[in-house]
């Protein structure tokens, strides 16, 4: 099962709330989710930048 970027961002917010409500013990959970969301964002931006530089026309993504 693929996790969408939206799901990842939602999980990030939930993990932040868990840390805020339950304490620093849960910080590693937030770090894991935050790192994944950041990695996805950076990858998307790198592709977008590369395609912008080359002038390749943008295609619509096939999202399910």
C-alpha atoms as a PDB file:
ATOM      1  CA  UNK A   1       0.000   0.000   0.000  1.00  0.00           C
ATOM      2  CA  UNK A   2       1.426   3.344  -1.046  1.00  0.00           C
ATOM      3  CA  UNK A   3       1.281   6.269   1.338  1.00  0.00           C
ATOM      4  CA  UNK A   4       0.349   9.546  -0.320  1.00  0.00           C
ATOM      5  CA  UNK A   5       2.193  12.797   0.361  1.00  0.00           C
ATOM      6  CA  UNK A   6      -0.979  14.074   2.005  1.00  0.00           C
ATOM      7  CA  UNK A   7      -1.033  11.037   4.317  1.00  0.00           C
ATOM      8  CA  UNK A   8       2.600  11.652   5.176  1.00  0.00           C
ATOM      9  CA  UNK A   9       1.923  15.285   6.096  1.00  0.00           C
ATOM     10  CA  UNK A  10      -1.070  14.225   8.204  1.00  0.00           C
ATOM     11  CA  UNK A  11       1.098  11.660  10.006  1.00  0.00           C
ATOM     12  CA  UNK A  12       3.686  14.386  10.616  1.00  0.00           C
ATOM     13  CA  UNK A  13       1.109  16.596  12.318  1.00  0.00           C
ATOM     14  CA  UNK A  14      -0.160  13.685  14.394  1.00  0.00           C
ATOM     15  CA  UNK A  15       3.389  12.772  15.448  1.00  0.00           C
ATOM     16  CA  UNK A  16       4.014  16.382  16.509  1.00  0.00           C
ATOM     17  CA  UNK A  17       0.822  16.321  18.582  1.00  0.00           C
ATOM     18  CA  UNK A  18       1.910  13.057  20.222  1.00  0.00           C
ATOM     19  CA  UNK A  19       5.219  14.639  21.251  1.00  0.00           C
ATOM     20  CA  UNK A  20       3.457  17.735  22.555  1.00  0.00           C
ATOM     21  CA  UNK A  21       0.887  15.777  24.543  1.00  0.00           C
ATOM     22  CA  UNK A  22       2.896  12.727  25.636  1.00  0.00           C
ATOM     23  CA  UNK A  23       6.403  14.118  25.963  1.00  0.00           C
ATOM     24  CA  UNK A  24       9.894  13.965  24.549  1.00  0.00           C
ATOM     25  CA  UNK A  25       9.953  10.187  24.810  1.00  0.00           C
ATOM     26  CA  UNK A  26       8.090  10.150  21.481  1.00  0.00           C
ATOM     27  CA  UNK A  27      10.494  12.511  19.709  1.00  0.00           C
ATOM     28  CA  UNK A  28      12.061   9.674  17.642  1.00  0.00           C
ATOM     29  CA  UNK A  29       8.606   8.979  16.166  1.00  0.00           C
ATOM     30  CA  UNK A  30       8.316  12.587  15.036  1.00  0.00           C
ATOM     31  CA  UNK A  31      11.844  12.549  13.615  1.00  0.00           C
ATOM     32  CA  UNK A  32      11.095   9.471  11.509  1.00  0.00           C
ATOM     33  CA  UNK A  33       7.895  10.866  10.033  1.00  0.00           C
ATOM     34  CA  UNK A  34       9.337  14.348   9.579  1.00  0.00           C
ATOM     35  CA  UNK A  35      12.403  12.969   7.787  1.00  0.00           C
ATOM     36  CA  UNK A  36      10.212  10.961   5.404  1.00  0.00           C
ATOM     37  CA  UNK A  37       8.029  13.966   4.584  1.00  0.00           C
ATOM     38  CA  UNK A  38      11.100  16.141   4.074  1.00  0.00           C
ATOM     39  CA  UNK A  39      12.734  13.512   1.856  1.00  0.00           C
ATOM     40  CA  UNK A  40       9.612  13.296  -0.309  1.00  0.00           C
ATOM     41  CA  UNK A  41       9.357  17.089  -0.598  1.00  0.00           C
ATOM     42  CA  UNK A  42      13.024  17.417  -1.550  1.00  0.00           C
ATOM     43  CA  UNK A  43      12.797  14.684  -4.166  1.00  0.00           C
ATOM     44  CA  UNK A  44       9.729  16.308  -5.721  1.00  0.00           C
ATOM     45  CA  UNK A  45      11.467  19.703  -5.788  1.00  0.00           C
ATOM     46  CA  UNK A  46      14.640  18.253  -7.313  1.00  0.00           C
ATOM     47  CA  UNK A  47      12.654  16.681 -10.134  1.00  0.00           C
ATOM     48  CA  UNK A  48      10.638  19.847 -10.685  1.00  0.00           C
ATOM     49  CA  UNK A  49      13.811  21.938 -10.831  1.00  0.00           C
ATOM     50  CA  UNK A  50      15.534  19.543 -13.221  1.00  0.00           C
ATOM     51  CA  UNK A  51      12.569  19.472 -15.569  1.00  0.00           C
ATOM     52  CA  UNK A  52      12.222  23.250 -15.434  1.00  0.00           C
ATOM     53  CA  UNK A  53      15.899  23.624 -16.446  1.00  0.00           C
ATOM     54  CA  UNK A  54      15.576  21.235 -19.370  1.00  0.00           C
ATOM     55  CA  UNK A  55      12.292  22.660 -20.589  1.00  0.00           C
ATOM     56  CA  UNK A  56      10.595  19.269 -20.582  1.00  0.00           C
ATOM     57  CA  UNK A  57       6.821  19.803 -20.689  1.00  0.00           C
ATOM     58  CA  UNK A  58       5.047  18.804 -17.523  1.00  0.00           C
ATOM     59  CA  UNK A  59       2.811  15.735 -17.702  1.00  0.00           C
ATOM     60  CA  UNK A  60      -0.068  15.071 -15.409  1.00  0.00           C
ATOM     61  CA  UNK A  61       0.781  12.457 -12.805  1.00  0.00           C
ATOM     62  CA  UNK A  62      -1.262   9.302 -12.587  1.00  0.00           C
ATOM     63  CA  UNK A  63      -2.612   9.352  -9.066  1.00  0.00           C
ATOM     64  CA  UNK A  64      -4.982   6.732  -7.858  1.00  0.00           C
END
